[in-house]
Amino acid sequence: MKYIIYIALFFSTAIFAQEDPVKQDTTQVHYMIIEGDSIPITSVELNEVLVLPNLKFANRDARIRYIILRRKTLKVYPYAKLAAERLEELQRRIGTLKKKREKKKYAKVIQKYIEDEFSAELKKLTKTEGQILVKLIHRQTGKTTFNLIKELRSGWRAFWFNSTASLFDISLKKEFSPIDEEEDYLIEDILQRAFQNEQLDRQKPAFEIDFYACVNKWGKSKPKTLSKSKS
């Protein structure tokens, strides 16, 4: 899984402890000026909430596959979210370096740090979890894992990693497309439910996803049994 571990960890320069968010009163008071008088107007800001449809499965096997897919998606999403955050930070940092030698040195320092700190955990990913991670990295960064490796390292490394991954039925060029693939739609459904249940921290995707268009296409038919995998 080195090819996936590398790209997932490359952006993980550090993991900071986050304090519990303080609940804030979303009620704001605005004032309307009418002939010199200030009239308070109270408004409440509400977050947009998607109305999620009830899932109906074709059979028991399909339900079990969905449950397995949910477990794997919830497991790898935080890595994809972290990748997007670290990619932004990495690009900002490298942008401040003028010399190519400095950029290369910085990249090596980060690579060594993340390999020492996080490799053991990500090596536990199965090949199906690895493929889901590849898709979610595309969802959060807007770029395929292949292109990220190509930009950050070299075209040869990207080709080699992709060729190696293909032996395990994993494509680093895989994109996340819930409107075109039912499994991706189910992954998106899992994410939206997890966001609403606060199981995962919401992070906007790098590109627009019309969830209701996906529901109209896939939600009218019962999810089929997803392809079986040994991992």
C-alpha atoms as a PDB file:
ATOM      1  CA  MET A   1       0.000   0.000   0.000  1.00  0.00           C
ATOM      2  CA  LYS A   2       3.063   2.314  -0.202  1.00  0.00           C
ATOM      3  CA  TYR A   3       1.716   4.191  -3.217  1.00  0.00           C
ATOM      4  CA  ILE A   4      -1.430   5.162  -1.306  1.00  0.00           C
ATOM      5  CA  ILE A   5       0.337   5.712   2.006  1.00  0.00           C
ATOM      6  CA  TYR A   6       2.721   8.162   0.368  1.00  0.00           C
ATOM      7  CA  ILE A   7       0.106  10.477  -1.072  1.00  0.00           C
ATOM      8  CA  ALA A   8      -2.185  10.282   1.963  1.00  0.00           C
ATOM      9  CA  LEU A   9       0.656  11.054   4.334  1.00  0.00           C
ATOM     10  CA  PHE A  10       2.522  13.592   2.227  1.00  0.00           C
ATOM     11  CA  PHE A  11       0.185  16.334   3.326  1.00  0.00           C
ATOM     12  CA  SER A  12       0.011  15.230   6.974  1.00  0.00           C
ATOM     13  CA  THR A  13       2.727  17.493   8.386  1.00  0.00           C
ATOM     14  CA  ALA A  14       1.119  17.438  11.839  1.00  0.00           C
ATOM     15  CA  ILE A  15      -2.082  16.559  13.608  1.00  0.00           C
ATOM     16  CA  PHE A  16      -3.145  19.129  16.131  1.00  0.00           C
ATOM     17  CA  ALA A  17      -5.507  18.449  19.016  1.00  0.00           C
ATOM     18  CA  GLN A  18      -8.748  20.252  18.448  1.00  0.00           C
ATOM     19  CA  GLU A  19     -10.807  21.679  21.252  1.00  0.00           C
ATOM     20  CA  ASP A  20     -14.478  20.911  21.438  1.00  0.00           C
ATOM     21  CA  PRO A  21     -16.304  23.571  19.458  1.00  0.00           C
ATOM     22  CA  VAL A  22     -18.060  26.102  21.628  1.00  0.00           C
ATOM     23  CA  LYS A  23     -21.719  26.318  20.839  1.00  0.00           C
ATOM     24  CA  GLN A  24     -22.492  29.812  19.716  1.00  0.00           C
ATOM     25  CA  ASP A  25     -25.785  31.575  19.565  1.00  0.00           C
ATOM     26  CA  THR A  26     -26.585  31.964  15.872  1.00  0.00           C
ATOM     27  CA  THR A  27     -29.165  34.629  16.646  1.00  0.00           C
ATOM     28  CA  GLN A  28     -27.989  38.004  15.389  1.00  0.00           C
ATOM     29  CA  VAL A  29     -29.551  41.410  15.913  1.00  0.00           C
ATOM     30  CA  HIS A  30     -29.605  43.810  12.981  1.00  0.00           C
ATOM     31  CA  TYR A  31     -30.893  47.350  13.054  1.00  0.00           C
ATOM     32  CA  MET A  32     -33.098  49.120  10.539  1.00  0.00           C
ATOM     33  CA  ILE A  33     -32.786  52.908  10.526  1.00  0.00           C
ATOM     34  CA  ILE A  34     -36.148  54.622  10.007  1.00  0.00           C
ATOM     35  CA  GLU A  35     -36.193  58.406  10.310  1.00  0.00           C
ATOM     36  CA  GLY A  36     -33.340  58.377  12.789  1.00  0.00           C
ATOM     37  CA  ASP A  37     -34.702  55.557  14.957  1.00  0.00           C
ATOM     38  CA  SER A  38     -32.929  52.200  15.257  1.00  0.00           C
ATOM     39  CA  ILE A  39     -35.335  49.265  15.145  1.00  0.00           C
ATOM     40  CA  PRO A  40     -33.826  45.911  16.171  1.00  0.00           C
ATOM     41  CA  ILE A  41     -34.535  43.008  13.833  1.00  0.00           C
ATOM     42  CA  THR A  42     -33.730  39.504  15.018  1.00  0.00           C
ATOM     43  CA  SER A  43     -32.703  36.894  12.460  1.00  0.00           C
ATOM     44  CA  VAL A  44     -31.572  33.304  12.834  1.00  0.00           C
ATOM     45  CA  GLU A  45     -28.947  31.826  10.521  1.00  0.00           C
ATOM     46  CA  LEU A  46     -29.670  28.228   9.616  1.00  0.00           C
ATOM     47  CA  ASN A  47     -27.288  25.793   8.002  1.00  0.00           C
ATOM     48  CA  GLU A  48     -28.398  24.136   4.802  1.00  0.00           C
ATOM     49  CA  VAL A  49     -29.681  20.624   5.446  1.00  0.00           C
ATOM     50  CA  LEU A  50     -30.120  17.955   2.795  1.00  0.00           C
ATOM     51  CA  VAL A  51     -33.246  15.839   2.991  1.00  0.00           C
ATOM     52  CA  LEU A  52     -31.883  12.328   2.671  1.00  0.00           C
ATOM     53  CA  PRO A  53     -34.070   9.602   1.199  1.00  0.00           C
ATOM     54  CA  ASN A  54     -34.675   6.278   2.892  1.00  0.00           C
ATOM     55  CA  LEU A  55     -32.490   3.601   1.413  1.00  0.00           C
ATOM     56  CA  LYS A  56     -34.154   0.456   0.149  1.00  0.00           C
ATOM     57  CA  PHE A  57     -32.070  -2.548  -0.797  1.00  0.00           C
ATOM     58  CA  ALA A  58     -32.765  -5.187  -3.387  1.00  0.00           C
ATOM     59  CA  ASN A  59     -31.834  -7.965  -0.978  1.00  0.00           C
ATOM     60  CA  ARG A  60     -30.043  -8.814   2.248  1.00  0.00           C
ATOM     61  CA  ASP A  61     -26.659  -9.092   0.540  1.00  0.00           C
ATOM     62  CA  ALA A  62     -27.019  -5.560  -0.829  1.00  0.00           C
ATOM     63  CA  ARG A  63     -27.726  -4.248   2.670  1.00  0.00           C
ATOM     64  CA  ILE A  64     -24.659  -6.022   4.054  1.00  0.00           C
ATOM     65  CA  ARG A  65     -22.490  -4.597   1.261  1.00  0.00           C
ATOM     66  CA  TYR A  66     -23.733  -1.111   2.084  1.00  0.00           C
ATOM     67  CA  ILE A  67     -22.903  -1.568   5.758  1.00  0.00           C
ATOM     68  CA  ILE A  68     -19.392  -2.713   4.850  1.00  0.00           C
ATOM     69  CA  LEU A  69     -18.988   0.210   2.449  1.00  0.00           C
ATOM     70  CA  ARG A  70     -20.106   2.591   5.193  1.00  0.00           C
ATOM     71  CA  ARG A  71     -17.574   1.218   7.649  1.00  0.00           C
ATOM     72  CA  LYS A  72     -14.739   1.574   5.144  1.00  0.00           C
ATOM     73  CA  THR A  73     -15.818   5.058   4.038  1.00  0.00           C
ATOM     74  CA  LEU A  74     -16.025   6.375   7.581  1.00  0.00           C
ATOM     75  CA  LYS A  75     -12.576   4.942   8.233  1.00  0.00           C
ATOM     76  CA  VAL A  76     -10.715   6.547   5.315  1.00  0.00           C
ATOM     77  CA  TYR A  77     -12.550   9.868   4.897  1.00  0.00           C
ATOM     78  CA  PRO A  78     -10.515  11.642   7.626  1.00  0.00           C
ATOM     79  CA  TYR A  79      -7.332  10.878   5.646  1.00  0.00           C
ATOM     80  CA  ALA A  80      -8.790  12.411   2.486  1.00  0.00           C
ATOM     81  CA  LYS A  81      -9.918  15.478   4.443  1.00  0.00           C
ATOM     82  CA  LEU A  82      -6.468  15.809   5.941  1.00  0.00           C
ATOM     83  CA  ALA A  83      -4.918  15.460   2.488  1.00  0.00           C
ATOM     84  CA  ALA A  84      -6.920  18.439   1.228  1.00  0.00           C
ATOM     85  CA  GLU A  85      -5.925  20.533   4.229  1.00  0.00           C
ATOM     86  CA  ARG A  86      -2.253  19.660   3.977  1.00  0.00           C
ATOM     87  CA  LEU A  87      -2.182  20.126   0.203  1.00  0.00           C
ATOM     88  CA  GLU A  88      -3.294  23.714   0.650  1.00  0.00           C
ATOM     89  CA  GLU A  89      -0.707  24.278   3.375  1.00  0.00           C
ATOM     90  CA  LEU A  90       2.023  22.537   1.385  1.00  0.00           C
ATOM     91  CA  GLN A  91       1.374  24.641  -1.704  1.00  0.00           C
ATOM     92  CA  ARG A  92       1.394  27.796   0.388  1.00  0.00           C
ATOM     93  CA  ARG A  93       4.677  26.856   2.053  1.00  0.00           C
ATOM     94  CA  ILE A  94       6.434  25.793  -1.150  1.00  0.00           C
ATOM     95  CA  GLY A  95       5.198  28.981  -2.800  1.00  0.00           C
ATOM     96  CA  THR A  96       7.301  30.981  -0.322  1.00  0.00           C
ATOM     97  CA  LEU A  97      10.471  29.106  -1.275  1.00  0.00           C
ATOM     98  CA  LYS A  98      12.376  30.524  -4.208  1.00  0.00           C
ATOM     99  CA  LYS A  99      15.100  27.982  -4.849  1.00  0.00           C
ATOM    100  CA  LYS A 100      14.360  24.535  -6.265  1.00  0.00           C
ATOM    101  CA  ARG A 101      16.860  23.046  -3.831  1.00  0.00           C
ATOM    102  CA  GLU A 102      14.944  24.497  -0.879  1.00  0.00           C
ATOM    103  CA  LYS A 103      11.652  23.106  -2.167  1.00  0.00           C
ATOM    104  CA  LYS A 104      13.176  19.651  -2.648  1.00  0.00           C
ATOM    105  CA  LYS A 105      14.748  19.710   0.803  1.00  0.00           C
ATOM    106  CA  TYR A 106      11.465  20.784   2.400  1.00  0.00           C
ATOM    107  CA  ALA A 107       9.571  17.986   0.636  1.00  0.00           C
ATOM    108  CA  LYS A 108      12.070  15.383   1.879  1.00  0.00           C
ATOM    109  CA  VAL A 109      11.834  16.588   5.465  1.00  0.00           C
ATOM    110  CA  ILE A 110       8.037  16.365   5.364  1.00  0.00           C
ATOM    111  CA  GLN A 111       8.125  12.934   3.738  1.00  0.00           C
ATOM    112  CA  LYS A 112      10.430  11.521   6.418  1.00  0.00           C
ATOM    113  CA  TYR A 113       8.320  13.004   9.200  1.00  0.00           C
ATOM    114  CA  ILE A 114       5.041  11.610   7.983  1.00  0.00           C
ATOM    115  CA  GLU A 115       6.504   8.183   7.220  1.00  0.00           C
ATOM    116  CA  ASP A 116       7.881   7.939  10.756  1.00  0.00           C
ATOM    117  CA  GLU A 117       4.680   9.159  12.378  1.00  0.00           C
ATOM    118  CA  PHE A 118       1.799   7.748  10.354  1.00  0.00           C
ATOM    119  CA  SER A 119       2.887   4.891   8.095  1.00  0.00           C
ATOM    120  CA  ALA A 120       2.068   2.122  10.561  1.00  0.00           C
ATOM    121  CA  GLU A 121      -1.576   3.189  10.803  1.00  0.00           C
ATOM    122  CA  LEU A 122      -2.212   3.575   7.076  1.00  0.00           C
ATOM    123  CA  LYS A 123      -0.498   0.300   6.229  1.00  0.00           C
ATOM    124  CA  LYS A 124      -3.470  -1.395   7.846  1.00  0.00           C
ATOM    125  CA  LEU A 125      -5.772  -0.279   5.027  1.00  0.00           C
ATOM    126  CA  THR A 126      -7.138  -3.036   2.819  1.00  0.00           C
ATOM    127  CA  LYS A 127      -7.131  -2.691  -0.968  1.00  0.00           C
ATOM    128  CA  THR A 128     -10.829  -1.764  -1.035  1.00  0.00           C
ATOM    129  CA  GLU A 129     -10.240   0.881   1.615  1.00  0.00           C
ATOM    130  CA  GLY A 130      -7.297   2.088  -0.443  1.00  0.00           C
ATOM    131  CA  GLN A 131      -9.458   2.489  -3.555  1.00  0.00           C
ATOM    132  CA  ILE A 132     -12.104   4.376  -1.591  1.00  0.00           C
ATOM    133  CA  LEU A 133      -9.367   6.613  -0.230  1.00  0.00           C
ATOM    134  CA  VAL A 134      -8.157   7.332  -3.773  1.00  0.00           C
ATOM    135  CA  LYS A 135     -11.686   8.374  -4.755  1.00  0.00           C
ATOM    136  CA  LEU A 136     -12.154  10.560  -1.695  1.00  0.00           C
ATOM    137  CA  ILE A 137      -8.788  12.252  -2.206  1.00  0.00           C
ATOM    138  CA  HIS A 138     -10.108  13.277  -5.622  1.00  0.00           C
ATOM    139  CA  ARG A 139     -13.362  14.457  -4.003  1.00  0.00           C
ATOM    140  CA  GLN A 140     -11.546  16.661  -1.504  1.00  0.00           C
ATOM    141  CA  THR A 141      -8.641  17.949  -3.622  1.00  0.00           C
ATOM    142  CA  GLY A 142     -10.113  17.954  -7.125  1.00  0.00           C
ATOM    143  CA  LYS A 143      -7.101  15.990  -8.365  1.00  0.00           C
ATOM    144  CA  THR A 144      -6.469  12.285  -8.773  1.00  0.00           C
ATOM    145  CA  THR A 145      -3.846  10.634  -6.606  1.00  0.00           C
ATOM    146  CA  PHE A 146      -1.874   9.927  -9.800  1.00  0.00           C
ATOM    147  CA  ASN A 147      -1.744  13.625 -10.723  1.00  0.00           C
ATOM    148  CA  LEU A 148      -0.854  14.668  -7.187  1.00  0.00           C
ATOM    149  CA  ILE A 149       2.120  12.300  -7.154  1.00  0.00           C
ATOM    150  CA  LYS A 150       3.098  13.471 -10.637  1.00  0.00           C
ATOM    151  CA  GLU A 151       3.037  17.128  -9.576  1.00  0.00           C
ATOM    152  CA  LEU A 152       4.791  16.621  -6.260  1.00  0.00           C
ATOM    153  CA  ARG A 153       7.343  14.025  -7.296  1.00  0.00           C
ATOM    154  CA  SER A 154       7.686  13.016 -10.922  1.00  0.00           C
ATOM    155  CA  GLY A 155       5.820  11.507 -13.843  1.00  0.00           C
ATOM    156  CA  TRP A 156       7.854   8.308 -13.582  1.00  0.00           C
ATOM    157  CA  ARG A 157       6.921   7.763  -9.952  1.00  0.00           C
ATOM    158  CA  ALA A 158       3.274   8.345 -10.758  1.00  0.00           C
ATOM    159  CA  PHE A 159       3.402   5.811 -13.595  1.00  0.00           C
ATOM    160  CA  TRP A 160       5.211   3.255 -11.438  1.00  0.00           C
ATOM    161  CA  PHE A 161       2.846   3.625  -8.494  1.00  0.00           C
ATOM    162  CA  ASN A 162      -0.180   3.334 -10.776  1.00  0.00           C
ATOM    163  CA  SER A 163       1.205   0.226 -12.477  1.00  0.00           C
ATOM    164  CA  THR A 164       1.906  -1.380  -9.102  1.00  0.00           C
ATOM    165  CA  ALA A 165      -1.536  -0.430  -7.803  1.00  0.00           C
ATOM    166  CA  SER A 166      -3.215  -1.976 -10.848  1.00  0.00           C
ATOM    167  CA  LEU A 167      -1.892  -5.376  -9.764  1.00  0.00           C
ATOM    168  CA  PHE A 168      -4.158  -5.045  -6.724  1.00  0.00           C
ATOM    169  CA  ASP A 169      -7.146  -3.734  -8.685  1.00  0.00           C
ATOM    170  CA  ILE A 170      -6.507  -0.183  -7.493  1.00  0.00           C
ATOM    171  CA  SER A 171      -6.285   2.733  -9.903  1.00  0.00           C
ATOM    172  CA  LEU A 172      -4.620   5.926  -8.711  1.00  0.00           C
ATOM    173  CA  LYS A 173      -6.294   7.690 -11.646  1.00  0.00           C
ATOM    174  CA  LYS A 174      -9.760   6.888 -10.312  1.00  0.00           C
ATOM    175  CA  GLU A 175     -12.070   9.878  -9.944  1.00  0.00           C
ATOM    176  CA  PHE A 176     -15.030  10.290  -7.653  1.00  0.00           C
ATOM    177  CA  SER A 177     -18.205  10.520  -9.732  1.00  0.00           C
ATOM    178  CA  PRO A 178     -21.454   9.783  -7.857  1.00  0.00           C
ATOM    179  CA  ILE A 179     -23.569  10.746 -10.864  1.00  0.00           C
ATOM    180  CA  ASP A 180     -21.887   8.090 -13.008  1.00  0.00           C
ATOM    181  CA  GLU A 181     -21.195   5.259 -10.560  1.00  0.00           C
ATOM    182  CA  GLU A 182     -23.692   3.829  -8.091  1.00  0.00           C
ATOM    183  CA  GLU A 183     -21.013   2.923  -5.561  1.00  0.00           C
ATOM    184  CA  ASP A 184     -19.789   6.532  -5.539  1.00  0.00           C
ATOM    185  CA  TYR A 185     -23.383   7.676  -5.012  1.00  0.00           C
ATOM    186  CA  LEU A 186     -23.647   5.353  -2.011  1.00  0.00           C
ATOM    187  CA  ILE A 187     -20.357   6.725  -0.668  1.00  0.00           C
ATOM    188  CA  GLU A 188     -21.702  10.263  -1.029  1.00  0.00           C
ATOM    189  CA  ASP A 189     -24.914   9.192   0.701  1.00  0.00           C
ATOM    190  CA  ILE A 190     -22.869   7.724   3.546  1.00  0.00           C
ATOM    191  CA  LEU A 191     -20.884  10.949   3.880  1.00  0.00           C
ATOM    192  CA  GLN A 192     -23.958  13.183   3.925  1.00  0.00           C
ATOM    193  CA  ARG A 193     -25.597  11.063   6.620  1.00  0.00           C
ATOM    194  CA  ALA A 194     -22.379  11.066   8.666  1.00  0.00           C
ATOM    195  CA  PHE A 195     -22.111  14.860   8.354  1.00  0.00           C
ATOM    196  CA  GLN A 196     -25.663  15.340   9.599  1.00  0.00           C
ATOM    197  CA  ASN A 197     -25.124  12.867  12.457  1.00  0.00           C
ATOM    198  CA  GLU A 198     -21.830  14.613  13.297  1.00  0.00           C
ATOM    199  CA  GLN A 199     -19.912  11.367  12.883  1.00  0.00           C
ATOM    200  CA  LEU A 200     -17.574  13.207  10.501  1.00  0.00           C
ATOM    201  CA  ASP A 201     -16.442  16.796  10.237  1.00  0.00           C
ATOM    202  CA  ARG A 202     -17.921  18.312   7.103  1.00  0.00           C
ATOM    203  CA  GLN A 203     -15.505  19.553   4.464  1.00  0.00           C
ATOM    204  CA  LYS A 204     -16.762  20.892   1.158  1.00  0.00           C
ATOM    205  CA  PRO A 205     -15.688  18.870  -1.887  1.00  0.00           C
ATOM    206  CA  ALA A 206     -13.283  20.498  -4.334  1.00  0.00           C
ATOM    207  CA  PHE A 207     -15.959  20.448  -7.031  1.00  0.00           C
ATOM    208  CA  GLU A 208     -19.733  20.763  -7.064  1.00  0.00           C
ATOM    209  CA  ILE A 209     -21.746  17.619  -6.437  1.00  0.00           C
ATOM    210  CA  ASP A 210     -25.452  17.738  -7.218  1.00  0.00           C
ATOM    211  CA  PHE A 211     -26.612  15.234  -4.652  1.00  0.00           C
ATOM    212  CA  TYR A 212     -30.277  15.453  -5.596  1.00  0.00           C
ATOM    213  CA  ALA A 213     -29.415  14.736  -9.232  1.00  0.00           C
ATOM    214  CA  CYS A 214     -27.645  11.608  -7.994  1.00  0.00           C
ATOM    215  CA  VAL A 215     -30.664  10.679  -5.907  1.00  0.00           C
ATOM    216  CA  ASN A 216     -32.948  11.100  -8.914  1.00  0.00           C
ATOM    217  CA  LYS A 217     -30.749   8.778 -10.923  1.00  0.00           C
ATOM    218  CA  TRP A 218     -29.842   6.115  -8.389  1.00  0.00           C
ATOM    219  CA  GLY A 219     -32.302   6.563  -5.544  1.00  0.00           C
ATOM    220  CA  LYS A 220     -35.345   5.431  -7.524  1.00  0.00           C
ATOM    221  CA  SER A 221     -33.923   1.950  -7.882  1.00  0.00           C
ATOM    222  CA  LYS A 222     -32.906  -0.249  -5.005  1.00  0.00           C
ATOM    223  CA  PRO A 223     -29.113  -0.409  -4.595  1.00  0.00           C
ATOM    224  CA  LYS A 224     -27.772  -3.577  -6.097  1.00  0.00           C
ATOM    225  CA  THR A 225     -25.386  -5.926  -4.393  1.00  0.00           C
ATOM    226  CA  LEU A 226     -21.986  -4.321  -4.646  1.00  0.00           C
ATOM    227  CA  SER A 227     -19.193  -6.381  -6.122  1.00  0.00           C
ATOM    228  CA  LYS A 228     -17.563  -8.661  -3.604  1.00  0.00           C
ATOM    229  CA  SER A 229     -13.981  -8.158  -2.518  1.00  0.00           C
ATOM    230  CA  LYS A 230     -11.542 -10.223  -0.530  1.00  0.00           C
ATOM    231  CA  SER A 231     -10.403  -7.161   1.385  1.00  0.00           C
END
